[in-house]
Amino acid sequence: MWFLVRLAFWLSLVIVLLPAAPSQQKTCASQMGPSDAFSAAAAAVSDIRQFCERQPGACATGSQAIVQFEQKAHAGAKMIYQLLNERTGKNVSAVAAKGTNKLMEDQSRGTLTPADLATPWDGPSPQREKDAKRAT
């Protein structure tokens, strides 16, 4: 219930802060200021606080309904989580198996060390290039 009260409060606050169309402002007979809106909101909040004192049966029934709603929401979220976990779990395990096979292939192919892969320099030495440039 408090979620709905908070939701209603924030939605009404957003609606109050939205600018009105110019045509609607001219046709409105009475202009309400921010102080009037604030006093009306304060009166509504105080009335909501006293609701359980005036209607204890409705308040108790509402509390039970909220508890049931919370339990259903929790169970639904758990079912969705399990469903998504099952679907992605199969895909993740298949991808992990493919990744493991690829890793084993890479390890079986790559048996040379970096020193083995380094080729010796077969080109002319830098000193010979300088001598060749001087001679020409």
Protein backbone atom coordinates (compact mmCIF):
# COMPACT_ATOMS: atom_id res chain seq x y z
CA MET A 1 0.00 0.00 0.00
CA TRP A 2 2.81 2.42 0.81
CA PHE A 3 4.30 1.73 -2.61
CA LEU A 4 1.08 2.91 -4.20
CA VAL A 5 0.97 5.97 -1.98
CA ARG A 6 4.55 6.85 -2.89
CA LEU A 7 3.87 6.20 -6.56
CA ALA A 8 0.81 8.42 -6.46
CA PHE A 9 2.75 11.14 -4.66
CA TRP A 10 5.62 11.20 -7.16
CA LEU A 11 3.32 11.01 -10.16
CA SER A 12 1.22 13.87 -8.84
CA LEU A 13 4.36 15.88 -8.15
CA VAL A 14 5.54 15.36 -11.72
CA ILE A 15 2.13 16.30 -13.07
CA VAL A 16 2.03 19.46 -10.93
CA LEU A 17 5.45 20.52 -12.19
CA LEU A 18 4.54 20.03 -15.86
CA PRO A 19 3.70 23.29 -17.61
CA ALA A 20 0.09 23.77 -18.70
CA ALA A 21 -0.90 24.65 -22.24
CA PRO A 22 -1.50 28.40 -22.74
CA SER A 23 -5.09 27.82 -23.87
CA GLN A 24 -5.87 25.93 -20.65
CA GLN A 25 -4.39 28.66 -18.49
CA LYS A 26 -6.70 31.32 -19.95
CA THR A 27 -9.89 29.27 -19.58
CA CYS A 28 -9.22 28.24 -15.99
CA ALA A 29 -11.51 30.35 -13.75
CA SER A 30 -9.55 30.06 -10.52
CA GLN A 31 -5.78 30.07 -10.44
CA MET A 32 -4.30 27.82 -7.78
CA GLY A 33 -0.89 28.74 -6.41
CA PRO A 34 1.87 26.49 -5.09
CA SER A 35 0.93 27.23 -1.49
CA ASP A 36 -2.65 26.06 -2.11
CA ALA A 37 -1.37 22.85 -3.70
CA PHE A 38 1.01 22.25 -0.81
CA SER A 39 -1.69 22.72 1.82
CA ALA A 40 -4.00 20.35 -0.07
CA ALA A 41 -1.23 17.74 -0.26
CA ALA A 42 -0.51 18.11 3.47
CA ALA A 43 -4.21 17.61 4.26
CA ALA A 44 -4.28 14.47 2.08
CA VAL A 45 -1.22 13.05 3.83
CA SER A 46 -2.70 13.65 7.28
CA ASP A 47 -5.95 12.02 6.12
CA ILE A 48 -4.04 8.96 4.88
CA ARG A 49 -2.22 8.67 8.21
CA GLN A 50 -5.53 8.52 10.07
CA PHE A 51 -7.13 5.98 7.71
CA CYS A 52 -6.21 2.95 9.84
CA GLU A 53 -7.70 4.61 12.91
CA ARG A 54 -11.00 5.23 11.14
CA GLN A 55 -11.19 1.92 9.24
CA PRO A 56 -9.20 -0.78 11.12
CA GLY A 57 -10.87 -3.65 9.21
CA ALA A 58 -10.00 -2.19 5.80
CA CYS A 59 -6.47 -1.50 6.97
CA ALA A 60 -6.01 -5.11 8.18
CA THR A 61 -7.44 -6.53 4.95
CA GLY A 62 -5.20 -4.24 2.92
CA SER A 63 -2.17 -5.36 4.90
CA GLN A 64 -2.99 -9.03 4.23
CA ALA A 65 -3.51 -8.30 0.54
CA ILE A 66 -0.13 -6.58 0.36
CA VAL A 67 1.56 -9.54 2.07
CA GLN A 68 -0.03 -11.96 -0.41
CA PHE A 69 0.92 -9.71 -3.30
CA GLU A 70 4.50 -9.59 -2.05
CA GLN A 71 4.64 -13.38 -1.75
CA LYS A 72 3.23 -13.84 -5.26
CA ALA A 73 5.68 -11.31 -6.67
CA HIS A 74 8.55 -13.10 -4.93
CA ALA A 75 7.41 -16.50 -6.27
CA GLY A 76 6.98 -15.08 -9.78
CA ALA A 77 10.42 -13.50 -9.74
CA LYS A 78 11.90 -16.78 -8.54
CA MET A 79 10.18 -18.69 -11.38
CA ILE A 80 11.44 -16.19 -13.96
CA TYR A 81 14.94 -16.37 -12.51
CA GLN A 82 14.94 -20.17 -12.66
CA LEU A 83 13.59 -20.17 -16.21
CA LEU A 84 16.24 -17.73 -17.39
CA ASN A 85 18.92 -19.58 -15.47
CA GLU A 86 17.96 -22.88 -17.12
CA ARG A 87 17.95 -21.38 -20.61
CA THR A 88 21.20 -19.48 -20.22
CA GLY A 89 22.78 -22.30 -18.23
CA LYS A 90 22.55 -24.65 -21.23
CA ASN A 91 24.02 -22.02 -23.55
CA VAL A 92 26.77 -21.12 -21.11
CA SER A 93 27.76 -24.75 -20.59
CA ALA A 94 27.83 -25.34 -24.37
CA VAL A 95 29.98 -22.24 -24.89
CA ALA A 96 32.25 -23.27 -22.03
CA ALA A 97 32.67 -26.73 -23.56
CA LYS A 98 33.54 -25.22 -26.95
CA GLY A 99 35.99 -22.85 -25.28
CA THR A 100 37.67 -25.74 -23.45
CA ASN A 101 38.05 -27.72 -26.70
CA LYS A 102 39.51 -24.70 -28.46
CA LEU A 103 41.92 -24.13 -25.60
CA MET A 104 43.07 -27.74 -25.82
CA GLU A 105 43.55 -27.39 -29.61
CA ASP A 106 45.59 -24.21 -29.15
CA GLN A 107 47.75 -25.87 -26.53
CA SER A 108 48.39 -28.93 -28.70
CA ARG A 109 49.37 -26.80 -31.71
CA GLY A 110 51.47 -24.23 -29.89
CA THR A 111 54.34 -26.31 -28.54
CA LEU A 112 57.10 -23.93 -29.68
CA THR A 113 58.51 -21.40 -27.28
CA PRO A 114 59.02 -17.76 -28.29
CA ALA A 115 62.76 -18.44 -28.61
CA ASP A 116 62.01 -21.28 -31.03
CA LEU A 117 59.79 -19.04 -33.10
CA ALA A 118 62.38 -16.25 -33.35
CA THR A 119 64.24 -16.53 -36.65
CA PRO A 120 67.87 -15.49 -36.90
CA TRP A 121 68.70 -12.34 -38.86
CA ASP A 122 69.78 -13.27 -42.39
CA GLY A 123 70.00 -9.81 -43.87
CA PRO A 124 73.06 -7.67 -44.29
CA SER A 125 74.63 -6.30 -41.19
CA PRO A 126 74.22 -2.58 -40.55
CA GLN A 127 77.99 -2.03 -41.01
CA ARG A 128 77.96 -3.47 -44.54
CA GLU A 129 75.09 -1.18 -45.55
CA LYS A 130 77.07 1.90 -44.44
CA ASP A 131 80.16 0.72 -46.37
CA ALA A 132 78.04 0.05 -49.48
CA LYS A 133 76.52 3.56 -49.33
CA ARG A 134 79.95 5.18 -49.00
CA ALA A 135 81.34 3.32 -52.00
CA THR A 136 78.62 4.52 -54.35
